[in-house]
Amino acid sequence: MNKKILIVDDEKNIRLLLTEELTDEGYDVIAAENGAVALQKISEEKPDLITLDIKMPGEDGLSILRKIRETDYNLPVIICSAYSVYKSDFSAVAADHYVVKSSNFDELKNKVNEILSQED
């Protein structure tokens, strides 16, 4: 059975690109456009890993990360943000990895593969 990844990003194009990239890697991918939808999908879909944007309308990614950690501390989360300044934010430390968005998704795919291969 393929591992399931939840992509949480408010930008539709990023969700589509990441879905395509990670599907090509052999993962089942679901997506959420905001934190509220993400929390619902986590409950319903039980993903094996989450990629999480920080800057989103409404509740930001760091707030969602805290909620994820309260319910499932061991669920791997990769923060995927265009803003490297958050790398030093204490709240971001709760994530398993922090990847700065770019047009090249190799770093993100490598982190996803690394984390999910450890779970086998």
Protein backbone atom coordinates (compact mmCIF):
# COMPACT_ATOMS: atom_id res chain seq x y z
CA MET A 1 0.00 0.00 0.00
CA ASN A 2 1.32 3.43 -0.92
CA LYS A 3 2.14 5.96 1.77
CA LYS A 4 -0.29 8.88 1.95
CA ILE A 5 0.86 12.50 2.04
CA LEU A 6 -1.26 15.53 2.92
CA ILE A 7 -0.18 18.79 1.27
CA VAL A 8 -1.39 21.90 3.08
CA ASP A 9 -0.90 25.11 1.10
CA ASP A 10 -3.18 28.03 0.28
CA GLU A 11 -1.69 28.42 -3.21
CA LYS A 12 -3.53 26.21 -5.69
CA ASN A 13 -0.58 26.02 -8.11
CA ILE A 14 1.76 24.83 -5.35
CA ARG A 15 -0.76 22.16 -4.31
CA LEU A 16 -1.03 20.98 -7.92
CA LEU A 17 2.73 20.94 -8.48
CA LEU A 18 3.46 19.10 -5.25
CA THR A 19 0.65 16.64 -5.90
CA GLU A 20 2.11 15.86 -9.31
CA GLU A 21 5.70 15.62 -8.05
CA LEU A 22 4.86 13.35 -5.11
CA THR A 23 2.42 11.21 -7.11
CA ASP A 24 5.25 10.63 -9.59
CA GLU A 25 7.31 9.39 -6.62
CA GLY A 26 4.64 6.75 -5.95
CA TYR A 27 2.75 8.35 -3.08
CA ASP A 28 -0.97 8.81 -2.65
CA VAL A 29 -1.49 12.56 -2.28
CA ILE A 30 -4.35 14.54 -0.80
CA ALA A 31 -4.42 18.31 -0.46
CA ALA A 32 -5.92 21.00 1.75
CA GLU A 33 -6.12 24.72 1.07
CA ASN A 34 -6.16 25.82 4.73
CA GLY A 35 -5.67 24.64 8.28
CA ALA A 36 -9.31 23.82 9.01
CA VAL A 37 -9.55 21.54 5.97
CA ALA A 38 -6.16 20.03 6.86
CA LEU A 39 -7.26 19.08 10.37
CA GLN A 40 -10.42 17.50 8.97
CA LYS A 41 -8.44 15.51 6.38
CA ILE A 42 -5.95 14.35 9.00
CA SER A 43 -8.83 12.91 10.99
CA GLU A 44 -10.53 11.32 7.97
CA GLU A 45 -7.61 10.25 5.78
CA LYS A 46 -4.89 9.37 8.34
CA PRO A 47 -1.92 10.57 6.24
CA ASP A 48 1.57 9.16 6.83
CA LEU A 49 3.21 12.59 6.41
CA ILE A 50 2.19 16.24 6.06
CA THR A 51 3.80 19.10 4.17
CA LEU A 52 2.67 22.33 5.75
CA ASP A 53 2.89 25.93 4.55
CA ILE A 54 3.25 28.62 7.21
CA LYS A 55 1.76 31.76 5.66
CA MET A 56 -1.91 31.03 4.99
CA PRO A 57 -5.06 33.13 5.40
CA GLY A 58 -6.84 32.49 8.67
CA GLU A 59 -4.94 30.13 10.92
CA ASP A 60 -1.24 29.95 10.07
CA GLY A 61 0.80 26.78 9.67
CA LEU A 62 2.56 27.06 13.03
CA SER A 63 -0.79 27.11 14.81
CA ILE A 64 -1.90 24.06 12.80
CA LEU A 65 1.41 22.34 13.65
CA ARG A 66 0.70 22.83 17.37
CA LYS A 67 -2.74 21.26 16.94
CA ILE A 68 -1.28 18.33 15.00
CA ARG A 69 1.29 17.73 17.75
CA GLU A 70 -1.45 17.81 20.41
CA THR A 71 -3.37 15.00 18.70
CA ASP A 72 -0.60 12.92 17.07
CA TYR A 73 2.88 13.81 18.19
CA ASN A 74 4.57 11.20 15.96
CA LEU A 75 2.93 12.22 12.67
CA PRO A 76 5.82 13.51 10.49
CA VAL A 77 5.44 17.14 9.41
CA ILE A 78 7.65 18.99 6.95
CA ILE A 79 7.23 22.74 6.94
CA CYS A 80 7.46 23.91 3.35
CA SER A 81 7.57 27.69 3.27
CA ALA A 82 8.86 30.40 0.99
CA TYR A 83 10.08 32.25 4.07
CA SER A 84 13.38 31.00 5.50
CA VAL A 85 13.07 33.47 8.39
CA TYR A 86 10.69 31.05 10.14
CA LYS A 87 13.43 28.41 10.35
CA SER A 88 14.61 30.05 13.54
CA ASP A 89 11.09 30.45 14.98
CA PHE A 90 10.81 28.32 18.11
CA SER A 91 7.37 27.05 17.03
CA ALA A 92 8.85 25.63 13.82
CA VAL A 93 11.19 23.42 15.84
CA ALA A 94 8.25 21.06 16.42
CA ALA A 95 8.35 20.11 12.75
CA ASP A 96 10.46 17.18 11.58
CA HIS A 97 12.09 19.22 8.81
CA TYR A 98 11.95 22.69 7.30
CA VAL A 99 12.26 23.11 3.53
CA VAL A 100 12.33 26.47 1.79
CA LYS A 101 10.08 26.46 -1.29
CA SER A 102 11.77 26.75 -4.65
CA SER A 103 11.08 25.77 -8.22
CA ASN A 104 13.11 22.61 -7.60
CA PHE A 105 11.32 20.10 -5.37
CA ASP A 106 14.29 17.73 -4.97
CA GLU A 107 15.03 18.74 -1.36
CA LEU A 108 11.41 18.23 -0.36
CA LYS A 109 11.14 14.90 -2.19
CA ASN A 110 14.38 13.71 -0.58
CA LYS A 111 13.11 14.60 2.91
CA VAL A 112 9.77 12.88 2.24
CA ASN A 113 11.52 9.74 0.98
CA GLU A 114 13.94 9.79 3.92
CA ILE A 115 11.19 10.09 6.54
CA LEU A 116 8.81 7.57 5.00
CA SER A 117 11.54 4.99 4.32
CA GLN A 118 12.42 5.07 8.05
CA GLU A 119 8.84 4.06 8.91
CA ASP A 120 8.98 0.79 6.95
